[in-house]
């Protein structure tokens, strides 16, 4: 299992910015990438740009996708169906 966590260094310990759902004494391999202030500002700017794009939220009013997770599950169920040629 692998996932990304943001954290900060309090001078002595690396502290996750959000709680981690891990069992006590779980062994971890940690890769540290230092983020400069200018990189952090750039990330915020890029994230804001996505929501301002014209296609963002374009499916928000679709009746067939009220529950997007259910819609995706339904579509994925069909992936395992075997294709049949029309006769």
PDB file of N, CA and C in Angstrom:
ATOM      1  N   UNK A   1       0.853  -1.165   0.000  1.00  0.00           N
ATOM      2  CA  UNK A   1       0.000   0.000   0.000  1.00  0.00           C
ATOM      3  C   UNK A   1       0.902   1.231   0.000  1.00  0.00           C
ATOM      4  N   UNK A   2       0.469   2.230  -0.716  1.00  0.00           N
ATOM      5  CA  UNK A   2       1.248   3.458  -0.805  1.00  0.00           C
ATOM      6  C   UNK A   2       0.300   4.646  -0.869  1.00  0.00           C
ATOM      7  N   UNK A   3       0.629   5.720  -0.188  1.00  0.00           N
ATOM      8  CA  UNK A   3      -0.147   6.947  -0.270  1.00  0.00           C
ATOM      9  C   UNK A   3       0.738   8.113   0.126  1.00  0.00           C
ATOM     10  N   UNK A   4       0.316   9.293  -0.235  1.00  0.00           N
ATOM     11  CA  UNK A   4       1.096  10.503   0.027  1.00  0.00           C
ATOM     12  C   UNK A   4       0.496  11.234   1.223  1.00  0.00           C
ATOM     13  N   UNK A   5       1.358  11.750   2.072  1.00  0.00           N
ATOM     14  CA  UNK A   5       0.928  12.467   3.277  1.00  0.00           C
ATOM     15  C   UNK A   5       1.665  13.795   3.348  1.00  0.00           C
ATOM     16  N   UNK A   6       0.955  14.882   3.619  1.00  0.00           N
ATOM     17  CA  UNK A   6       1.667  16.128   3.890  1.00  0.00           C
ATOM     18  C   UNK A   6       1.933  16.207   5.380  1.00  0.00           C
ATOM     19  N   UNK A   7       3.083  16.739   5.694  1.00  0.00           N
ATOM     20  CA  UNK A   7       3.499  16.814   7.095  1.00  0.00           C
ATOM     21  C   UNK A   7       4.382  18.042   7.275  1.00  0.00           C
ATOM     22  N   UNK A   8       4.697  18.322   8.515  1.00  0.00           N
ATOM     23  CA  UNK A   8       5.632  19.405   8.802  1.00  0.00           C
ATOM     24  C   UNK A   8       6.626  18.923   9.851  1.00  0.00           C
ATOM     25  N   UNK A   9       7.723  19.613   9.952  1.00  0.00           N
ATOM     26  CA  UNK A   9       8.773  19.265  10.902  1.00  0.00           C
ATOM     27  C   UNK A   9       8.731  20.270  12.037  1.00  0.00           C
ATOM     28  N   UNK A  10       8.513  19.793  13.251  1.00  0.00           N
ATOM     29  CA  UNK A  10       8.382  20.713  14.390  1.00  0.00           C
ATOM     30  C   UNK A  10       9.710  21.013  15.081  1.00  0.00           C
ATOM     31  N   UNK A  11      10.816  20.663  14.429  1.00  0.00           N
ATOM     32  CA  UNK A  11      12.137  20.890  15.008  1.00  0.00           C
ATOM     33  C   UNK A  11      12.733  19.624  15.578  1.00  0.00           C
ATOM     34  N   UNK A  12      11.887  18.637  15.831  1.00  0.00           N
ATOM     35  CA  UNK A  12      12.356  17.381  16.399  1.00  0.00           C
ATOM     36  C   UNK A  12      11.696  16.175  15.724  1.00  0.00           C
ATOM     37  N   UNK A  13      10.443  16.337  15.324  1.00  0.00           N
ATOM     38  CA  UNK A  13       9.649  15.221  14.819  1.00  0.00           C
ATOM     39  C   UNK A  13       8.914  15.609  13.545  1.00  0.00           C
ATOM     40  N   UNK A  14       8.719  14.628  12.676  1.00  0.00           N
ATOM     41  CA  UNK A  14       7.879  14.841  11.497  1.00  0.00           C
ATOM     42  C   UNK A  14       6.440  14.586  11.937  1.00  0.00           C
ATOM     43  N   UNK A  15       5.576  15.580  11.740  1.00  0.00           N
ATOM     44  CA  UNK A  15       4.196  15.506  12.212  1.00  0.00           C
ATOM     45  C   UNK A  15       3.244  15.565  11.010  1.00  0.00           C
ATOM     46  N   UNK A  16       2.422  14.524  10.798  1.00  0.00           N
ATOM     47  CA  UNK A  16       1.453  14.556   9.699  1.00  0.00           C
ATOM     48  C   UNK A  16       0.443  15.686   9.915  1.00  0.00           C
ATOM     49  N   UNK A  17       0.022  16.329   8.826  1.00  0.00           N
ATOM     50  CA  UNK A  17      -0.956  17.414   8.934  1.00  0.00           C
ATOM     51  C   UNK A  17      -2.367  16.896   9.166  1.00  0.00           C
ATOM     52  N   UNK A  18      -2.608  15.616   8.895  1.00  0.00           N
ATOM     53  CA  UNK A  18      -3.907  14.989   9.144  1.00  0.00           C
ATOM     54  C   UNK A  18      -3.673  13.649   9.836  1.00  0.00           C
ATOM     55  N   UNK A  19      -4.652  13.149  10.584  1.00  0.00           N
ATOM     56  CA  UNK A  19      -4.485  11.850  11.245  1.00  0.00           C
ATOM     57  C   UNK A  19      -4.268  10.733  10.224  1.00  0.00           C
ATOM     58  N   UNK A  20      -3.453   9.755  10.601  1.00  0.00           N
ATOM     59  CA  UNK A  20      -3.197   8.608   9.740  1.00  0.00           C
ATOM     60  C   UNK A  20      -3.940   7.393  10.267  1.00  0.00           C
ATOM     61  N   UNK A  21      -4.597   6.675   9.383  1.00  0.00           N
ATOM     62  CA  UNK A  21      -5.318   5.465   9.771  1.00  0.00           C
ATOM     63  C   UNK A  21      -4.377   4.269   9.613  1.00  0.00           C
ATOM     64  N   UNK A  22      -3.441   4.134  10.553  1.00  0.00           N
ATOM     65  CA  UNK A  22      -2.471   3.051  10.519  1.00  0.00           C
ATOM     66  C   UNK A  22      -2.445   2.352  11.871  1.00  0.00           C
ATOM     67  N   UNK A  23      -2.202   1.048  11.875  1.00  0.00           N
ATOM     68  CA  UNK A  23      -2.084   0.365  13.164  1.00  0.00           C
ATOM     69  C   UNK A  23      -0.829   0.818  13.914  1.00  0.00           C
ATOM     70  N   UNK A  24      -0.901   0.746  15.228  1.00  0.00           N
ATOM     71  CA  UNK A  24       0.232   1.114  16.067  1.00  0.00           C
ATOM     72  C   UNK A  24       1.420   0.213  15.721  1.00  0.00           C
ATOM     73  N   UNK A  25       2.613   0.768  15.711  1.00  0.00           N
ATOM     74  CA  UNK A  25       3.871   0.075  15.420  1.00  0.00           C
ATOM     75  C   UNK A  25       3.987  -0.418  13.977  1.00  0.00           C
ATOM     76  N   UNK A  26       3.172   0.137  13.077  1.00  0.00           N
ATOM     77  CA  UNK A  26       3.273  -0.207  11.658  1.00  0.00           C
ATOM     78  C   UNK A  26       4.611   0.295  11.122  1.00  0.00           C
ATOM     79  N   UNK A  27       5.374  -0.574  10.463  1.00  0.00           N
ATOM     80  CA  UNK A  27       6.630  -0.147   9.860  1.00  0.00           C
ATOM     81  C   UNK A  27       6.334   0.654   8.604  1.00  0.00           C
ATOM     82  N   UNK A  28       7.133   1.689   8.387  1.00  0.00           N
ATOM     83  CA  UNK A  28       6.948   2.565   7.241  1.00  0.00           C
ATOM     84  C   UNK A  28       8.285   2.825   6.566  1.00  0.00           C
ATOM     85  N   UNK A  29       8.235   3.118   5.281  1.00  0.00           N
ATOM     86  CA  UNK A  29       9.404   3.621   4.567  1.00  0.00           C
ATOM     87  C   UNK A  29       9.047   5.034   4.155  1.00  0.00           C
ATOM     88  N   UNK A  30       9.857   5.989   4.537  1.00  0.00           N
ATOM     89  CA  UNK A  30       9.508   7.387   4.317  1.00  0.00           C
ATOM     90  C   UNK A  30      10.522   8.037   3.383  1.00  0.00           C
ATOM     91  N   UNK A  31      10.004   8.713   2.362  1.00  0.00           N
ATOM     92  CA  UNK A  31      10.832   9.522   1.472  1.00  0.00           C
ATOM     93  C   UNK A  31      10.482  10.971   1.762  1.00  0.00           C
ATOM     94  N   UNK A  32      11.477  11.786   2.020  1.00  0.00           N
ATOM     95  CA  UNK A  32      11.217  13.176   2.380  1.00  0.00           C
ATOM     96  C   UNK A  32      11.571  14.075   1.201  1.00  0.00           C
ATOM     97  N   UNK A  33      10.623  14.909   0.809  1.00  0.00           N
ATOM     98  CA  UNK A  33      10.848  15.913  -0.229  1.00  0.00           C
ATOM     99  C   UNK A  33      10.530  17.269   0.395  1.00  0.00           C
ATOM    100  N   UNK A  34      11.527  18.118   0.486  1.00  0.00           N
ATOM    101  CA  UNK A  34      11.355  19.438   1.083  1.00  0.00           C
ATOM    102  C   UNK A  34      10.667  20.344   0.067  1.00  0.00           C
ATOM    103  N   UNK A  35       9.626  21.048   0.498  1.00  0.00           N
ATOM    104  CA  UNK A  35       8.874  21.950  -0.357  1.00  0.00           C
ATOM    105  C   UNK A  35       9.187  23.378   0.070  1.00  0.00           C
ATOM    106  N   UNK A  36       9.691  24.168  -0.856  1.00  0.00           N
ATOM    107  CA  UNK A  36      10.008  25.562  -0.542  1.00  0.00           C
ATOM    108  C   UNK A  36       8.718  26.379  -0.518  1.00  0.00           C
ATOM    109  N   UNK A  37       8.784  27.551   0.048  1.00  0.00           N
ATOM    110  CA  UNK A  37       7.593  28.416   0.102  1.00  0.00           C
ATOM    111  C   UNK A  37       7.106  28.772  -1.297  1.00  0.00           C
ATOM    112  N   UNK A  38       8.037  29.036  -2.215  1.00  0.00           N
ATOM    113  CA  UNK A  38       7.623  29.405  -3.572  1.00  0.00           C
ATOM    114  C   UNK A  38       6.946  28.230  -4.267  1.00  0.00           C
ATOM    115  N   UNK A  39       7.412  26.994  -4.025  1.00  0.00           N
ATOM    116  CA  UNK A  39       6.755  25.816  -4.597  1.00  0.00           C
ATOM    117  C   UNK A  39       5.358  25.667  -4.026  1.00  0.00           C
ATOM    118  N   UNK A  40       5.201  25.932  -2.734  1.00  0.00           N
ATOM    119  CA  UNK A  40       3.897  25.812  -2.098  1.00  0.00           C
ATOM    120  C   UNK A  40       2.920  26.834  -2.678  1.00  0.00           C
ATOM    121  N   UNK A  41       3.383  28.059  -2.902  1.00  0.00           N
ATOM    122  CA  UNK A  41       2.533  29.086  -3.521  1.00  0.00           C
ATOM    123  C   UNK A  41       2.144  28.666  -4.932  1.00  0.00           C
ATOM    124  N   UNK A  42       3.100  28.113  -5.678  1.00  0.00           N
ATOM    125  CA  UNK A  42       2.825  27.659  -7.037  1.00  0.00           C
ATOM    126  C   UNK A  42       1.782  26.554  -7.066  1.00  0.00           C
ATOM    127  N   UNK A  43       1.823  25.661  -6.092  1.00  0.00           N
ATOM    128  CA  UNK A  43       0.825  24.583  -6.003  1.00  0.00           C
ATOM    129  C   UNK A  43      -0.563  25.152  -5.808  1.00  0.00           C
ATOM    130  N   UNK A  44      -0.681  26.136  -4.921  1.00  0.00           N
ATOM    131  CA  UNK A  44      -1.991  26.741  -4.674  1.00  0.00           C
ATOM    132  C   UNK A  44      -2.521  27.403  -5.931  1.00  0.00           C
ATOM    133  N   UNK A  45      -1.659  28.099  -6.643  1.00  0.00           N
ATOM    134  CA  UNK A  45      -2.085  28.777  -7.868  1.00  0.00           C
ATOM    135  C   UNK A  45      -2.563  27.762  -8.899  1.00  0.00           C
ATOM    136  N   UNK A  46      -1.812  26.673  -9.080  1.00  0.00           N
ATOM    137  CA  UNK A  46      -2.201  25.653 -10.061  1.00  0.00           C
ATOM    138  C   UNK A  46      -3.518  24.999  -9.668  1.00  0.00           C
ATOM    139  N   UNK A  47      -3.707  24.713  -8.396  1.00  0.00           N
ATOM    140  CA  UNK A  47      -4.943  24.069  -7.948  1.00  0.00           C
ATOM    141  C   UNK A  47      -6.138  24.970  -8.217  1.00  0.00           C
ATOM    142  N   UNK A  48      -5.986  26.255  -8.008  1.00  0.00           N
ATOM    143  CA  UNK A  48      -7.066  27.193  -8.264  1.00  0.00           C
ATOM    144  C   UNK A  48      -7.400  27.292  -9.737  1.00  0.00           C
ATOM    145  N   UNK A  49      -6.416  27.110 -10.598  1.00  0.00           N
ATOM    146  CA  UNK A  49      -6.646  27.211 -12.033  1.00  0.00           C
ATOM    147  C   UNK A  49      -7.565  26.107 -12.538  1.00  0.00           C
ATOM    148  N   UNK A  50      -7.478  24.917 -11.971  1.00  0.00           N
ATOM    149  CA  UNK A  50      -8.299  23.800 -12.437  1.00  0.00           C
ATOM    150  C   UNK A  50      -9.782  24.114 -12.277  1.00  0.00           C
ATOM    151  N   UNK A  51     -10.165  24.636 -11.144  1.00  0.00           N
ATOM    152  CA  UNK A  51     -11.586  24.907 -10.903  1.00  0.00           C
ATOM    153  C   UNK A  51     -12.118  26.055 -11.749  1.00  0.00           C
ATOM    154  N   UNK A  52     -11.238  26.867 -12.287  1.00  0.00           N
ATOM    155  CA  UNK A  52     -11.711  27.964 -13.129  1.00  0.00           C
ATOM    156  C   UNK A  52     -11.811  27.577 -14.604  1.00  0.00           C
ATOM    157  N   UNK A  53     -11.397  26.370 -14.956  1.00  0.00           N
ATOM    158  CA  UNK A  53     -11.490  25.923 -16.343  1.00  0.00           C
ATOM    159  C   UNK A  53     -12.950  25.700 -16.730  1.00  0.00           C
ATOM    160  N   UNK A  54     -13.310  25.964 -17.988  1.00  0.00           N
ATOM    161  CA  UNK A  54     -14.720  25.891 -18.403  1.00  0.00           C
ATOM    162  C   UNK A  54     -15.349  24.508 -18.263  1.00  0.00           C
ATOM    163  N   UNK A  55     -14.553  23.437 -18.359  1.00  0.00           N
ATOM    164  CA  UNK A  55     -15.132  22.095 -18.268  1.00  0.00           C
ATOM    165  C   UNK A  55     -15.331  21.624 -16.834  1.00  0.00           C
ATOM    166  N   UNK A  56     -14.768  22.326 -15.862  1.00  0.00           N
ATOM    167  CA  UNK A  56     -14.862  21.883 -14.469  1.00  0.00           C
ATOM    168  C   UNK A  56     -16.319  21.909 -14.011  1.00  0.00           C
ATOM    169  N   UNK A  57     -16.832  20.776 -13.562  1.00  0.00           N
ATOM    170  CA  UNK A  57     -18.199  20.681 -13.075  1.00  0.00           C
ATOM    171  C   UNK A  57     -19.245  20.600 -14.171  1.00  0.00           C
ATOM    172  N   UNK A  58     -18.825  20.305 -15.406  1.00  0.00           N
ATOM    173  CA  UNK A  58     -19.778  20.335 -16.523  1.00  0.00           C
ATOM    174  C   UNK A  58     -20.844  19.247 -16.423  1.00  0.00           C
ATOM    175  N   UNK A  59     -20.602  18.218 -15.607  1.00  0.00           N
ATOM    176  CA  UNK A  59     -21.599  17.154 -15.475  1.00  0.00           C
ATOM    177  C   UNK A  59     -22.420  17.315 -14.198  1.00  0.00           C
ATOM    178  N   UNK A  60     -22.290  18.405 -13.524  1.00  0.00           N
ATOM    179  CA  UNK A  60     -22.943  18.592 -12.226  1.00  0.00           C
ATOM    180  C   UNK A  60     -24.456  18.454 -12.283  1.00  0.00           C
ATOM    181  N   UNK A  61     -25.088  18.827 -13.387  1.00  0.00           N
ATOM    182  CA  UNK A  61     -26.548  18.802 -13.477  1.00  0.00           C
ATOM    183  C   UNK A  61     -27.098  17.593 -14.234  1.00  0.00           C
ATOM    184  N   UNK A  62     -26.267  16.598 -14.492  1.00  0.00           N
ATOM    185  CA  UNK A  62     -26.741  15.427 -15.217  1.00  0.00           C
ATOM    186  C   UNK A  62     -27.563  14.542 -14.291  1.00  0.00           C
ATOM    187  N   UNK A  63     -28.778  14.229 -14.695  1.00  0.00           N
ATOM    188  CA  UNK A  63     -29.680  13.419 -13.879  1.00  0.00           C
ATOM    189  C   UNK A  63     -29.170  11.983 -13.727  1.00  0.00           C
ATOM    190  N   UNK A  64     -28.514  11.433 -14.765  1.00  0.00           N
ATOM    191  CA  UNK A  64     -28.040  10.055 -14.692  1.00  0.00           C
ATOM    192  C   UNK A  64     -26.790   9.898 -13.846  1.00  0.00           C
ATOM    193  N   UNK A  65     -26.237  10.997 -13.347  1.00  0.00           N
ATOM    194  CA  UNK A  65     -25.015  10.937 -12.540  1.00  0.00           C
ATOM    195  C   UNK A  65     -25.182  11.644 -11.201  1.00  0.00           C
ATOM    196  N   UNK A  66     -26.363  11.589 -10.628  1.00  0.00           N
ATOM    197  CA  UNK A  66     -26.575  12.229  -9.314  1.00  0.00           C
ATOM    198  C   UNK A  66     -25.584  11.676  -8.289  1.00  0.00           C
ATOM    199  N   UNK A  67     -25.422  10.333  -8.290  1.00  0.00           N
ATOM    200  CA  UNK A  67     -24.442   9.683  -7.413  1.00  0.00           C
ATOM    201  C   UNK A  67     -23.320   9.196  -8.318  1.00  0.00           C
ATOM    202  N   UNK A  68     -22.260   9.998  -8.449  1.00  0.00           N
ATOM    203  CA  UNK A  68     -21.199   9.684  -9.406  1.00  0.00           C
ATOM    204  C   UNK A  68     -20.492   8.367  -9.085  1.00  0.00           C
ATOM    205  N   UNK A  69     -20.328   8.051  -7.804  1.00  0.00           N
ATOM    206  CA  UNK A  69     -19.665   6.791  -7.437  1.00  0.00           C
ATOM    207  C   UNK A  69     -20.503   5.598  -7.880  1.00  0.00           C
ATOM    208  N   UNK A  70     -21.818   5.665  -7.703  1.00  0.00           N
ATOM    209  CA  UNK A  70     -22.702   4.574  -8.139  1.00  0.00           C
ATOM    210  C   UNK A  70     -22.672   4.444  -9.658  1.00  0.00           C
ATOM    211  N   UNK A  71     -22.639   5.575 -10.353  1.00  0.00           N
ATOM    212  CA  UNK A  71     -22.592   5.545 -11.812  1.00  0.00           C
ATOM    213  C   UNK A  71     -21.318   4.864 -12.299  1.00  0.00           C
ATOM    214  N   UNK A  72     -20.176   5.176 -11.675  1.00  0.00           N
ATOM    215  CA  UNK A  72     -18.901   4.566 -12.063  1.00  0.00           C
ATOM    216  C   UNK A  72     -18.926   3.072 -11.771  1.00  0.00           C
ATOM    217  N   UNK A  73     -19.448   2.672 -10.597  1.00  0.00           N
ATOM    218  CA  UNK A  73     -19.536   1.239 -10.278  1.00  0.00           C
ATOM    219  C   UNK A  73     -20.354   0.499 -11.323  1.00  0.00           C
ATOM    220  N   UNK A  74     -21.489   1.078 -11.713  1.00  0.00           N
ATOM    221  CA  UNK A  74     -22.363   0.460 -12.711  1.00  0.00           C
ATOM    222  C   UNK A  74     -21.631   0.308 -14.050  1.00  0.00           C
ATOM    223  N   UNK A  75     -20.925   1.347 -14.458  1.00  0.00           N
ATOM    224  CA  UNK A  75     -20.174   1.290 -15.715  1.00  0.00           C
ATOM    225  C   UNK A  75     -19.063   0.246 -15.648  1.00  0.00           C
ATOM    226  N   UNK A  76     -18.374   0.162 -14.533  1.00  0.00           N
ATOM    227  CA  UNK A  76     -17.267  -0.805 -14.397  1.00  0.00           C
ATOM    228  C   UNK A  76     -17.764  -2.242 -14.391  1.00  0.00           C
ATOM    229  N   UNK A  77     -18.966  -2.479 -13.895  1.00  0.00           N
ATOM    230  CA  UNK A  77     -19.528  -3.834 -13.926  1.00  0.00           C
ATOM    231  C   UNK A  77     -19.609  -4.344 -15.355  1.00  0.00           C
ATOM    232  N   UNK A  78     -19.889  -3.460 -16.287  1.00  0.00           N
ATOM    233  CA  UNK A  78     -20.018  -3.848 -17.685  1.00  0.00           C
ATOM    234  C   UNK A  78     -18.676  -4.169 -18.328  1.00  0.00           C
ATOM    235  N   UNK A  79     -17.574  -3.729 -17.731  1.00  0.00           N
ATOM    236  CA  UNK A  79     -16.254  -3.966 -18.315  1.00  0.00           C
ATOM    237  C   UNK A  79     -15.934  -5.449 -18.421  1.00  0.00           C
ATOM    238  N   UNK A  80     -16.443  -6.231 -17.505  1.00  0.00           N
ATOM    239  CA  UNK A  80     -16.124  -7.661 -17.517  1.00  0.00           C
ATOM    240  C   UNK A  80     -17.053  -8.462 -18.434  1.00  0.00           C
ATOM    241  N   UNK A  81     -18.081  -7.816 -18.965  1.00  0.00           N
ATOM    242  CA  UNK A  81     -18.981  -8.508 -19.881  1.00  0.00           C
ATOM    243  C   UNK A  81     -18.269  -8.774 -21.197  1.00  0.00           C
ATOM    244  N   UNK A  82     -18.520  -9.919 -21.723  1.00  0.00           N
ATOM    245  CA  UNK A  82     -17.896 -10.282 -22.986  1.00  0.00           C
ATOM    246  C   UNK A  82     -18.629  -9.621 -24.149  1.00  0.00           C
ATOM    247  N   UNK A  83     -17.871  -9.084 -25.066  1.00  0.00           N
ATOM    248  CA  UNK A  83     -18.489  -8.472 -26.232  1.00  0.00           C
ATOM    249  C   UNK A  83     -19.084  -9.555 -27.136  1.00  0.00           C
ATOM    250  N   UNK A  84     -20.258  -9.294 -27.641  1.00  0.00           N
ATOM    251  CA  UNK A  84     -20.898 -10.248 -28.541  1.00  0.00           C
ATOM    252  C   UNK A  84     -21.118  -9.572 -29.886  1.00  0.00           C
ATOM    253  N   UNK A  85     -20.824 -10.309 -30.929  1.00  0.00           N
ATOM    254  CA  UNK A  85     -21.017  -9.728 -32.264  1.00  0.00           C
ATOM    255  C   UNK A  85     -22.479  -9.794 -32.650  1.00  0.00           C
ATOM    256  N   UNK A  86     -22.974  -8.759 -33.313  1.00  0.00           N
ATOM    257  CA  UNK A  86     -24.370  -8.765 -33.737  1.00  0.00           C
ATOM    258  C   UNK A  86     -24.577  -9.812 -34.840  1.00  0.00           C
ATOM    259  N   UNK A  87     -25.658 -10.562 -34.792  1.00  0.00           N
ATOM    260  CA  UNK A  87     -25.923 -11.599 -35.806  1.00  0.00           C
ATOM    261  C   UNK A  87     -27.074 -11.258 -36.660  1.00  0.00           C
TER     262      UNK A  87
END
